[in-house]
ModelCIF file with pLDDT and N, C-alpha, C, O atoms, coordinates in Angstrom:
data_MODEL
#
_entry.id   MODEL 
#
_entity.id                         1 
_entity.type                       polymer 
_entity.pdbx_number_of_molecules   1 
#
_entity_poly.entity_id                      1 
_entity_poly.type                           'polypeptide(L)' 
_entity_poly.nstd_linkage                   no 
_entity_poly.nstd_monomer                   no 
_entity_poly.pdbx_seq_one_letter_code       GRYLDAPDEWLPSLNRANGSTRQQRTERSVACVQLLRASLK 
_entity_poly.pdbx_seq_one_letter_code_can   GRYLDAPDEWLPSLNRANGSTRQQRTERSVACVQLLRASLK 
_entity_poly.pdbx_strand_id                 A 
#
loop_
_entity_poly_seq.entity_id 
_entity_poly_seq.num 
_entity_poly_seq.mon_id 
_entity_poly_seq.hetero 
1 1  GLY n 
1 2  ARG n 
1 3  TYR n 
1 4  LEU n 
1 5  ASP n 
1 6  ALA n 
1 7  PRO n 
1 8  ASP n 
1 9  GLU n 
1 10 TRP n 
1 11 LEU n 
1 12 PRO n 
1 13 SER n 
1 14 LEU n 
1 15 ASN n 
1 16 ARG n 
1 17 ALA n 
1 18 ASN n 
1 19 GLY n 
1 20 SER n 
1 21 THR n 
1 22 ARG n 
1 23 GLN n 
1 24 GLN n 
1 25 ARG n 
1 26 THR n 
1 27 GLU n 
1 28 ARG n 
1 29 SER n 
1 30 VAL n 
1 31 ALA n 
1 32 CYS n 
1 33 VAL n 
1 34 GLN n 
1 35 LEU n 
1 36 LEU n 
1 37 ARG n 
1 38 ALA n 
1 39 SER n 
1 40 LEU n 
1 41 LYS n 
#
_struct_asym.id          A 
_struct_asym.entity_id   1 
#
loop_
_ma_qa_metric.id 
_ma_qa_metric.mode 
_ma_qa_metric.name 
_ma_qa_metric.software_group_id 
_ma_qa_metric.type 
1 global pLDDT . pLDDT 
2 local  pLDDT . pLDDT 
#
_ma_qa_metric_global.metric_id      1 
_ma_qa_metric_global.metric_value   91.22 
_ma_qa_metric_global.model_id       1 
_ma_qa_metric_global.ordinal_id     1 
#
loop_
_ma_qa_metric_local.label_asym_id 
_ma_qa_metric_local.label_comp_id 
_ma_qa_metric_local.label_seq_id 
_ma_qa_metric_local.metric_id 
_ma_qa_metric_local.metric_value 
_ma_qa_metric_local.model_id 
_ma_qa_metric_local.ordinal_id 
A GLY 1  2 94.00 1 1  
A ARG 2  2 95.00 1 2  
A TYR 3  2 94.00 1 3  
A LEU 4  2 93.00 1 4  
A ASP 5  2 93.00 1 5  
A ALA 6  2 92.00 1 6  
A PRO 7  2 92.00 1 7  
A ASP 8  2 90.00 1 8  
A GLU 9  2 92.00 1 9  
A TRP 10 2 94.00 1 10 
A LEU 11 2 94.00 1 11 
A PRO 12 2 93.00 1 12 
A SER 13 2 92.00 1 13 
A LEU 14 2 93.00 1 14 
A ASN 15 2 90.00 1 15 
A ARG 16 2 88.00 1 16 
A ALA 17 2 86.00 1 17 
A ASN 18 2 78.00 1 18 
A GLY 19 2 78.00 1 19 
A SER 20 2 75.00 1 20 
A THR 21 2 76.00 1 21 
A ARG 22 2 82.00 1 22 
A GLN 23 2 85.00 1 23 
A GLN 24 2 87.00 1 24 
A ARG 25 2 89.00 1 25 
A THR 26 2 91.00 1 26 
A GLU 27 2 93.00 1 27 
A ARG 28 2 93.00 1 28 
A SER 29 2 94.00 1 29 
A VAL 30 2 95.00 1 30 
A ALA 31 2 96.00 1 31 
A CYS 32 2 96.00 1 32 
A VAL 33 2 96.00 1 33 
A GLN 34 2 97.00 1 34 
A LEU 35 2 97.00 1 35 
A LEU 36 2 97.00 1 36 
A ARG 37 2 97.00 1 37 
A ALA 38 2 96.00 1 38 
A SER 39 2 96.00 1 39 
A LEU 40 2 96.00 1 40 
A LYS 41 2 95.00 1 41 
#
loop_
_atom_site.group_PDB 
_atom_site.id 
_atom_site.type_symbol 
_atom_site.label_atom_id 
_atom_site.label_alt_id 
_atom_site.label_comp_id 
_atom_site.label_asym_id 
_atom_site.label_entity_id 
_atom_site.label_seq_id 
_atom_site.pdbx_PDB_ins_code 
_atom_site.Cartn_x 
_atom_site.Cartn_y 
_atom_site.Cartn_z 
_atom_site.occupancy 
_atom_site.B_iso_or_equiv 
_atom_site.pdbx_formal_charge 
_atom_site.auth_seq_id 
_atom_site.auth_comp_id 
_atom_site.auth_asym_id 
_atom_site.auth_atom_id 
_atom_site.pdbx_PDB_model_num 
ATOM 1   N N  . GLY A 1 1  ? 0.809  -1.218  -0.007  1.00 94.00 ? 1  GLY A N  1 
ATOM 2   C CA . GLY A 1 1  ? 0.003  0.007   -0.006  1.00 94.00 ? 1  GLY A CA 1 
ATOM 3   C C  . GLY A 1 1  ? 0.854  1.254   0.003   1.00 94.00 ? 1  GLY A C  1 
ATOM 4   O O  . GLY A 1 1  ? 0.383  2.317   -0.400  1.00 94.00 ? 1  GLY A O  1 
ATOM 5   N N  . ARG A 1 2  ? 2.094  1.160   0.450   1.00 95.00 ? 2  ARG A N  1 
ATOM 6   C CA . ARG A 1 2  ? 2.977  2.334   0.440   1.00 95.00 ? 2  ARG A CA 1 
ATOM 7   C C  . ARG A 1 2  ? 3.240  2.809   -0.975  1.00 95.00 ? 2  ARG A C  1 
ATOM 8   O O  . ARG A 1 2  ? 3.466  3.999   -1.198  1.00 95.00 ? 2  ARG A O  1 
ATOM 9   N N  . TYR A 1 3  ? 3.213  1.926   -1.901  1.00 94.00 ? 3  TYR A N  1 
ATOM 10  C CA . TYR A 1 3  ? 3.484  2.302   -3.318  1.00 94.00 ? 3  TYR A CA 1 
ATOM 11  C C  . TYR A 1 3  ? 2.449  3.312   -3.797  1.00 94.00 ? 3  TYR A C  1 
ATOM 12  O O  . TYR A 1 3  ? 2.772  4.218   -4.565  1.00 94.00 ? 3  TYR A O  1 
ATOM 13  N N  . LEU A 1 4  ? 1.237  3.164   -3.359  1.00 93.00 ? 4  LEU A N  1 
ATOM 14  C CA . LEU A 1 4  ? 0.158  4.074   -3.840  1.00 93.00 ? 4  LEU A CA 1 
ATOM 15  C C  . LEU A 1 4  ? 0.397  5.481   -3.331  1.00 93.00 ? 4  LEU A C  1 
ATOM 16  O O  . LEU A 1 4  ? -0.030 6.443   -3.970  1.00 93.00 ? 4  LEU A O  1 
ATOM 17  N N  . ASP A 1 5  ? 1.076  5.631   -2.183  1.00 93.00 ? 5  ASP A N  1 
ATOM 18  C CA . ASP A 1 5  ? 1.305  6.978   -1.636  1.00 93.00 ? 5  ASP A CA 1 
ATOM 19  C C  . ASP A 1 5  ? 2.547  7.610   -2.246  1.00 93.00 ? 5  ASP A C  1 
ATOM 20  O O  . ASP A 1 5  ? 2.573  8.819   -2.475  1.00 93.00 ? 5  ASP A O  1 
ATOM 21  N N  . ALA A 1 6  ? 3.592  6.800   -2.516  1.00 92.00 ? 6  ALA A N  1 
ATOM 22  C CA . ALA A 1 6  ? 4.832  7.361   -3.054  1.00 92.00 ? 6  ALA A CA 1 
ATOM 23  C C  . ALA A 1 6  ? 5.432  6.346   -4.049  1.00 92.00 ? 6  ALA A C  1 
ATOM 24  O O  . ALA A 1 6  ? 6.358  5.605   -3.718  1.00 92.00 ? 6  ALA A O  1 
ATOM 25  N N  . PRO A 1 7  ? 4.883  6.334   -5.266  1.00 92.00 ? 7  PRO A N  1 
ATOM 26  C CA . PRO A 1 7  ? 5.314  5.349   -6.275  1.00 92.00 ? 7  PRO A CA 1 
ATOM 27  C C  . PRO A 1 7  ? 6.813  5.341   -6.563  1.00 92.00 ? 7  PRO A C  1 
ATOM 28  O O  . PRO A 1 7  ? 7.432  4.278   -6.589  1.00 92.00 ? 7  PRO A O  1 
ATOM 29  N N  . ASP A 1 8  ? 7.394  6.508   -6.777  1.00 90.00 ? 8  ASP A N  1 
ATOM 30  C CA . ASP A 1 8  ? 8.797  6.572   -7.158  1.00 90.00 ? 8  ASP A CA 1 
ATOM 31  C C  . ASP A 1 8  ? 9.711  6.208   -5.992  1.00 90.00 ? 8  ASP A C  1 
ATOM 32  O O  . ASP A 1 8  ? 10.856 5.808   -6.205  1.00 90.00 ? 8  ASP A O  1 
ATOM 33  N N  . GLU A 1 9  ? 9.224  6.340   -4.779  1.00 92.00 ? 9  GLU A N  1 
ATOM 34  C CA . GLU A 1 9  ? 10.067 6.023   -3.622  1.00 92.00 ? 9  GLU A CA 1 
ATOM 35  C C  . GLU A 1 9  ? 10.156 4.487   -3.388  1.00 92.00 ? 9  GLU A C  1 
ATOM 36  O O  . GLU A 1 9  ? 11.201 3.981   -2.978  1.00 92.00 ? 9  GLU A O  1 
ATOM 37  N N  . TRP A 1 10 ? 9.048  3.757   -3.653  1.00 94.00 ? 10 TRP A N  1 
ATOM 38  C CA . TRP A 1 10 ? 9.014  2.346   -3.308  1.00 94.00 ? 10 TRP A CA 1 
ATOM 39  C C  . TRP A 1 10 ? 9.222  1.433   -4.515  1.00 94.00 ? 10 TRP A C  1 
ATOM 40  O O  . TRP A 1 10 ? 9.998  0.482   -4.422  1.00 94.00 ? 10 TRP A O  1 
ATOM 41  N N  . LEU A 1 11 ? 8.564  1.684   -5.633  1.00 94.00 ? 11 LEU A N  1 
ATOM 42  C CA . LEU A 1 11 ? 8.740  0.822   -6.822  1.00 94.00 ? 11 LEU A CA 1 
ATOM 43  C C  . LEU A 1 11 ? 8.844  1.681   -8.061  1.00 94.00 ? 11 LEU A C  1 
ATOM 44  O O  . LEU A 1 11 ? 7.912  1.727   -8.863  1.00 94.00 ? 11 LEU A O  1 
ATOM 45  N N  . PRO A 1 12 ? 9.962  2.362   -8.230  1.00 93.00 ? 12 PRO A N  1 
ATOM 46  C CA . PRO A 1 12 ? 10.088 3.265   -9.376  1.00 93.00 ? 12 PRO A CA 1 
ATOM 47  C C  . PRO A 1 12 ? 9.969  2.524   -10.742 1.00 93.00 ? 12 PRO A C  1 
ATOM 48  O O  . PRO A 1 12 ? 9.471  3.083   -11.719 1.00 93.00 ? 12 PRO A O  1 
ATOM 49  N N  . SER A 1 13 ? 10.422 1.305   -10.778 1.00 92.00 ? 13 SER A N  1 
ATOM 50  C CA . SER A 1 13 ? 10.370 0.565   -12.067 1.00 92.00 ? 13 SER A CA 1 
ATOM 51  C C  . SER A 1 13 ? 8.914  0.320   -12.474 1.00 92.00 ? 13 SER A C  1 
ATOM 52  O O  . SER A 1 13 ? 8.602  0.318   -13.665 1.00 92.00 ? 13 SER A O  1 
ATOM 53  N N  . LEU A 1 14 ? 8.047  0.120   -11.532 1.00 93.00 ? 14 LEU A N  1 
ATOM 54  C CA . LEU A 1 14 ? 6.612  -0.050  -11.852 1.00 93.00 ? 14 LEU A CA 1 
ATOM 55  C C  . LEU A 1 14 ? 5.969  1.273   -12.213 1.00 93.00 ? 14 LEU A C  1 
ATOM 56  O O  . LEU A 1 14 ? 5.118  1.341   -13.100 1.00 93.00 ? 14 LEU A O  1 
ATOM 57  N N  . ASN A 1 15 ? 6.370  2.300   -11.537 1.00 90.00 ? 15 ASN A N  1 
ATOM 58  C CA . ASN A 1 15 ? 5.847  3.646   -11.802 1.00 90.00 ? 15 ASN A CA 1 
ATOM 59  C C  . ASN A 1 15 ? 6.139  4.068   -13.269 1.00 90.00 ? 15 ASN A C  1 
ATOM 60  O O  . ASN A 1 15 ? 5.371  4.815   -13.874 1.00 90.00 ? 15 ASN A O  1 
ATOM 61  N N  . ARG A 1 16 ? 7.262  3.572   -13.816 1.00 88.00 ? 16 ARG A N  1 
ATOM 62  C CA . ARG A 1 16 ? 7.641  3.972   -15.183 1.00 88.00 ? 16 ARG A CA 1 
ATOM 63  C C  . ARG A 1 16 ? 7.439  2.850   -16.187 1.00 88.00 ? 16 ARG A C  1 
ATOM 64  O O  . ARG A 1 16 ? 7.953  2.919   -17.304 1.00 88.00 ? 16 ARG A O  1 
ATOM 65  N N  . ALA A 1 17 ? 6.689  1.806   -15.799 1.00 86.00 ? 17 ALA A N  1 
ATOM 66  C CA . ALA A 1 17 ? 6.516  0.647   -16.657 1.00 86.00 ? 17 ALA A CA 1 
ATOM 67  C C  . ALA A 1 17 ? 5.784  0.951   -17.932 1.00 86.00 ? 17 ALA A C  1 
ATOM 68  O O  . ALA A 1 17 ? 5.951  0.248   -18.928 1.00 86.00 ? 17 ALA A O  1 
ATOM 69  N N  . ASN A 1 18 ? 4.951  2.017   -17.920 1.00 78.00 ? 18 ASN A N  1 
ATOM 70  C CA . ASN A 1 18 ? 4.173  2.359   -19.128 1.00 78.00 ? 18 ASN A CA 1 
ATOM 71  C C  . ASN A 1 18 ? 5.007  3.191   -20.120 1.00 78.00 ? 18 ASN A C  1 
ATOM 72  O O  . ASN A 1 18 ? 4.509  3.590   -21.173 1.00 78.00 ? 18 ASN A O  1 
ATOM 73  N N  . GLY A 1 19 ? 6.243  3.442   -19.784 1.00 78.00 ? 19 GLY A N  1 
ATOM 74  C CA . GLY A 1 19 ? 7.106  4.169   -20.719 1.00 78.00 ? 19 GLY A CA 1 
ATOM 75  C C  . GLY A 1 19 ? 6.891  5.695   -20.720 1.00 78.00 ? 19 GLY A C  1 
ATOM 76  O O  . GLY A 1 19 ? 7.432  6.408   -21.565 1.00 78.00 ? 19 GLY A O  1 
ATOM 77  N N  . SER A 1 20 ? 6.116  6.164   -19.784 1.00 75.00 ? 20 SER A N  1 
ATOM 78  C CA . SER A 1 20 ? 5.821  7.615   -19.694 1.00 75.00 ? 20 SER A CA 1 
ATOM 79  C C  . SER A 1 20 ? 6.618  8.238   -18.550 1.00 75.00 ? 20 SER A C  1 
ATOM 80  O O  . SER A 1 20 ? 6.957  7.575   -17.570 1.00 75.00 ? 20 SER A O  1 
ATOM 81  N N  . THR A 1 21 ? 6.907  9.531   -18.701 1.00 76.00 ? 21 THR A N  1 
ATOM 82  C CA . THR A 1 21 ? 7.579  10.252  -17.621 1.00 76.00 ? 21 THR A CA 1 
ATOM 83  C C  . THR A 1 21 ? 6.615  10.692  -16.516 1.00 76.00 ? 21 THR A C  1 
ATOM 84  O O  . THR A 1 21 ? 7.017  11.115  -15.432 1.00 76.00 ? 21 THR A O  1 
ATOM 85  N N  . ARG A 1 22 ? 5.338  10.572  -16.840 1.00 82.00 ? 22 ARG A N  1 
ATOM 86  C CA . ARG A 1 22 ? 4.294  10.950  -15.857 1.00 82.00 ? 22 ARG A CA 1 
ATOM 87  C C  . ARG A 1 22 ? 4.074  9.803   -14.887 1.00 82.00 ? 22 ARG A C  1 
ATOM 88  O O  . ARG A 1 22 ? 4.335  8.642   -15.205 1.00 82.00 ? 22 ARG A O  1 
ATOM 89  N N  . GLN A 1 23 ? 3.601  10.137  -13.724 1.00 85.00 ? 23 GLN A N  1 
ATOM 90  C CA . GLN A 1 23 ? 3.313  9.138   -12.693 1.00 85.00 ? 23 GLN A CA 1 
ATOM 91  C C  . GLN A 1 23 ? 2.174  8.245   -13.132 1.00 85.00 ? 23 GLN A C  1 
ATOM 92  O O  . GLN A 1 23 ? 1.229  8.690   -13.783 1.00 85.00 ? 23 GLN A O  1 
ATOM 93  N N  . GLN A 1 24 ? 2.279  6.961   -12.759 1.00 87.00 ? 24 GLN A N  1 
ATOM 94  C CA . GLN A 1 24 ? 1.267  5.988   -13.143 1.00 87.00 ? 24 GLN A CA 1 
ATOM 95  C C  . GLN A 1 24 ? -0.096 6.414   -12.613 1.00 87.00 ? 24 GLN A C  1 
ATOM 96  O O  . GLN A 1 24 ? -0.214 6.867   -11.475 1.00 87.00 ? 24 GLN A O  1 
ATOM 97  N N  . ARG A 1 25 ? -1.127 6.267   -13.447 1.00 89.00 ? 25 ARG A N  1 
ATOM 98  C CA . ARG A 1 25 ? -2.475 6.625   -13.023 1.00 89.00 ? 25 ARG A CA 1 
ATOM 99  C C  . ARG A 1 25 ? -2.891 5.805   -11.807 1.00 89.00 ? 25 ARG A C  1 
ATOM 100 O O  . ARG A 1 25 ? -2.486 4.652   -11.658 1.00 89.00 ? 25 ARG A O  1 
ATOM 101 N N  . THR A 1 26 ? -3.708 6.412   -10.933 1.00 91.00 ? 26 THR A N  1 
ATOM 102 C CA . THR A 1 26 ? -4.124 5.780   -9.675  1.00 91.00 ? 26 THR A CA 1 
ATOM 103 C C  . THR A 1 26 ? -4.800 4.411   -9.912  1.00 91.00 ? 26 THR A C  1 
ATOM 104 O O  . THR A 1 26 ? -4.470 3.420   -9.262  1.00 91.00 ? 26 THR A O  1 
ATOM 105 N N  . GLU A 1 27 ? -5.750 4.389   -10.858 1.00 93.00 ? 27 GLU A N  1 
ATOM 106 C CA . GLU A 1 27 ? -6.472 3.118   -11.069 1.00 93.00 ? 27 GLU A CA 1 
ATOM 107 C C  . GLU A 1 27 ? -5.548 2.060   -11.594 1.00 93.00 ? 27 GLU A C  1 
ATOM 108 O O  . GLU A 1 27 ? -5.765 0.880   -11.316 1.00 93.00 ? 27 GLU A O  1 
ATOM 109 N N  . ARG A 1 28 ? -4.531 2.416   -12.335 1.00 93.00 ? 28 ARG A N  1 
ATOM 110 C CA . ARG A 1 28 ? -3.556 1.450   -12.860 1.00 93.00 ? 28 ARG A CA 1 
ATOM 111 C C  . ARG A 1 28 ? -2.637 0.982   -11.716 1.00 93.00 ? 28 ARG A C  1 
ATOM 112 O O  . ARG A 1 28 ? -2.275 -0.192  -11.638 1.00 93.00 ? 28 ARG A O  1 
ATOM 113 N N  . SER A 1 29 ? -2.280 1.898   -10.856 1.00 94.00 ? 29 SER A N  1 
ATOM 114 C CA . SER A 1 29 ? -1.450 1.549   -9.705  1.00 94.00 ? 29 SER A CA 1 
ATOM 115 C C  . SER A 1 29 ? -2.195 0.566   -8.785  1.00 94.00 ? 29 SER A C  1 
ATOM 116 O O  . SER A 1 29 ? -1.638 -0.432  -8.328  1.00 94.00 ? 29 SER A O  1 
ATOM 117 N N  . VAL A 1 30 ? -3.453 0.880   -8.536  1.00 95.00 ? 30 VAL A N  1 
ATOM 118 C CA . VAL A 1 30 ? -4.267 0.008   -7.666  1.00 95.00 ? 30 VAL A CA 1 
ATOM 119 C C  . VAL A 1 30 ? -4.406 -1.396  -8.257  1.00 95.00 ? 30 VAL A C  1 
ATOM 120 O O  . VAL A 1 30 ? -4.347 -2.383  -7.523  1.00 95.00 ? 30 VAL A O  1 
ATOM 121 N N  . ALA A 1 31 ? -4.594 -1.494  -9.594  1.00 96.00 ? 31 ALA A N  1 
ATOM 122 C CA . ALA A 1 31 ? -4.713 -2.801  -10.227 1.00 96.00 ? 31 ALA A CA 1 
ATOM 123 C C  . ALA A 1 31 ? -3.438 -3.598  -10.068 1.00 96.00 ? 31 ALA A C  1 
ATOM 124 O O  . ALA A 1 31 ? -3.487 -4.795  -9.785  1.00 96.00 ? 31 ALA A O  1 
ATOM 125 N N  . CYS A 1 32 ? -2.283 -2.947  -10.248 1.00 96.00 ? 32 CYS A N  1 
ATOM 126 C CA . CYS A 1 32 ? -1.018 -3.637  -10.112 1.00 96.00 ? 32 CYS A CA 1 
ATOM 127 C C  . CYS A 1 32 ? -0.810 -4.139  -8.661  1.00 96.00 ? 32 CYS A C  1 
ATOM 128 O O  . CYS A 1 32 ? -0.370 -5.270  -8.451  1.00 96.00 ? 32 CYS A O  1 
ATOM 129 N N  . VAL A 1 33 ? -1.130 -3.290  -7.673  1.00 96.00 ? 33 VAL A N  1 
ATOM 130 C CA . VAL A 1 33 ? -0.972 -3.690  -6.287  1.00 96.00 ? 33 VAL A CA 1 
ATOM 131 C C  . VAL A 1 33 ? -1.917 -4.817  -5.943  1.00 96.00 ? 33 VAL A C  1 
ATOM 132 O O  . VAL A 1 33 ? -1.521 -5.753  -5.248  1.00 96.00 ? 33 VAL A O  1 
ATOM 133 N N  . GLN A 1 34 ? -3.161 -4.759  -6.408  1.00 97.00 ? 34 GLN A N  1 
ATOM 134 C CA . GLN A 1 34 ? -4.104 -5.820  -6.139  1.00 97.00 ? 34 GLN A CA 1 
ATOM 135 C C  . GLN A 1 34 ? -3.657 -7.146  -6.761  1.00 97.00 ? 34 GLN A C  1 
ATOM 136 O O  . GLN A 1 34 ? -3.796 -8.202  -6.143  1.00 97.00 ? 34 GLN A O  1 
ATOM 137 N N  . LEU A 1 35 ? -3.128 -7.093  -7.967  1.00 97.00 ? 35 LEU A N  1 
ATOM 138 C CA . LEU A 1 35 ? -2.657 -8.316  -8.624  1.00 97.00 ? 35 LEU A CA 1 
ATOM 139 C C  . LEU A 1 35 ? -1.431 -8.878  -7.916  1.00 97.00 ? 35 LEU A C  1 
ATOM 140 O O  . LEU A 1 35 ? -1.288 -10.095 -7.799  1.00 97.00 ? 35 LEU A O  1 
ATOM 141 N N  . LEU A 1 36 ? -0.560 -8.018  -7.450  1.00 97.00 ? 36 LEU A N  1 
ATOM 142 C CA . LEU A 1 36 ? 0.586  -8.444  -6.684  1.00 97.00 ? 36 LEU A CA 1 
ATOM 143 C C  . LEU A 1 36 ? 0.159  -9.119  -5.382  1.00 97.00 ? 36 LEU A C  1 
ATOM 144 O O  . LEU A 1 36 ? 0.718  -10.152 -5.011  1.00 97.00 ? 36 LEU A O  1 
ATOM 145 N N  . ARG A 1 37 ? -0.818 -8.551  -4.690  1.00 97.00 ? 37 ARG A N  1 
ATOM 146 C CA . ARG A 1 37 ? -1.306 -9.148  -3.469  1.00 97.00 ? 37 ARG A CA 1 
ATOM 147 C C  . ARG A 1 37 ? -1.924 -10.526 -3.724  1.00 97.00 ? 37 ARG A C  1 
ATOM 148 O O  . ARG A 1 37 ? -1.703 -11.461 -2.954  1.00 97.00 ? 37 ARG A O  1 
ATOM 149 N N  . ALA A 1 38 ? -2.683 -10.647 -4.785  1.00 96.00 ? 38 ALA A N  1 
ATOM 150 C CA . ALA A 1 38 ? -3.299 -11.934 -5.136  1.00 96.00 ? 38 ALA A CA 1 
ATOM 151 C C  . ALA A 1 38 ? -2.196 -12.987 -5.414  1.00 96.00 ? 38 ALA A C  1 
ATOM 152 O O  . ALA A 1 38 ? -2.318 -14.142 -5.007  1.00 96.00 ? 38 ALA A O  1 
ATOM 153 N N  . SER A 1 39 ? -1.145 -12.575 -6.098  1.00 96.00 ? 39 SER A N  1 
ATOM 154 C CA . SER A 1 39 ? -0.024 -13.480 -6.403  1.00 96.00 ? 39 SER A CA 1 
ATOM 155 C C  . SER A 1 39 ? 0.711  -13.883 -5.107  1.00 96.00 ? 39 SER A C  1 
ATOM 156 O O  . SER A 1 39 ? 1.084  -15.042 -4.929  1.00 96.00 ? 39 SER A O  1 
ATOM 157 N N  . LEU A 1 40 ? 0.902  -12.932 -4.236  1.00 96.00 ? 40 LEU A N  1 
ATOM 158 C CA . LEU A 1 40 ? 1.599  -13.204 -2.953  1.00 96.00 ? 40 LEU A CA 1 
ATOM 159 C C  . LEU A 1 40 ? 0.792  -14.198 -2.117  1.00 96.00 ? 40 LEU A C  1 
ATOM 160 O O  . LEU A 1 40 ? 1.363  -14.990 -1.368  1.00 96.00 ? 40 LEU A O  1 
ATOM 161 N N  . LYS A 1 41 ? -0.513 -14.157 -2.245  1.00 95.00 ? 41 LYS A N  1 
ATOM 162 C CA . LYS A 1 41 ? -1.370 -15.072 -1.468  1.00 95.00 ? 41 LYS A CA 1 
ATOM 163 C C  . LYS A 1 41 ? -1.057 -16.517 -1.807  1.00 95.00 ? 41 LYS A C  1 
ATOM 164 O O  . LYS A 1 41 ? -1.674 -17.428 -1.255  1.00 95.00 ? 41 LYS A O  1 
#
């Protein structure tokens, strides 16, 4: 959940995964975090 508050601080590679210099959109960030959590389960 910390990634959602500070993307570049915790997972910068994910924040730039879309090839843009702009920060990852919130809904896209949430989807990535949720999928990671499901995989960790």
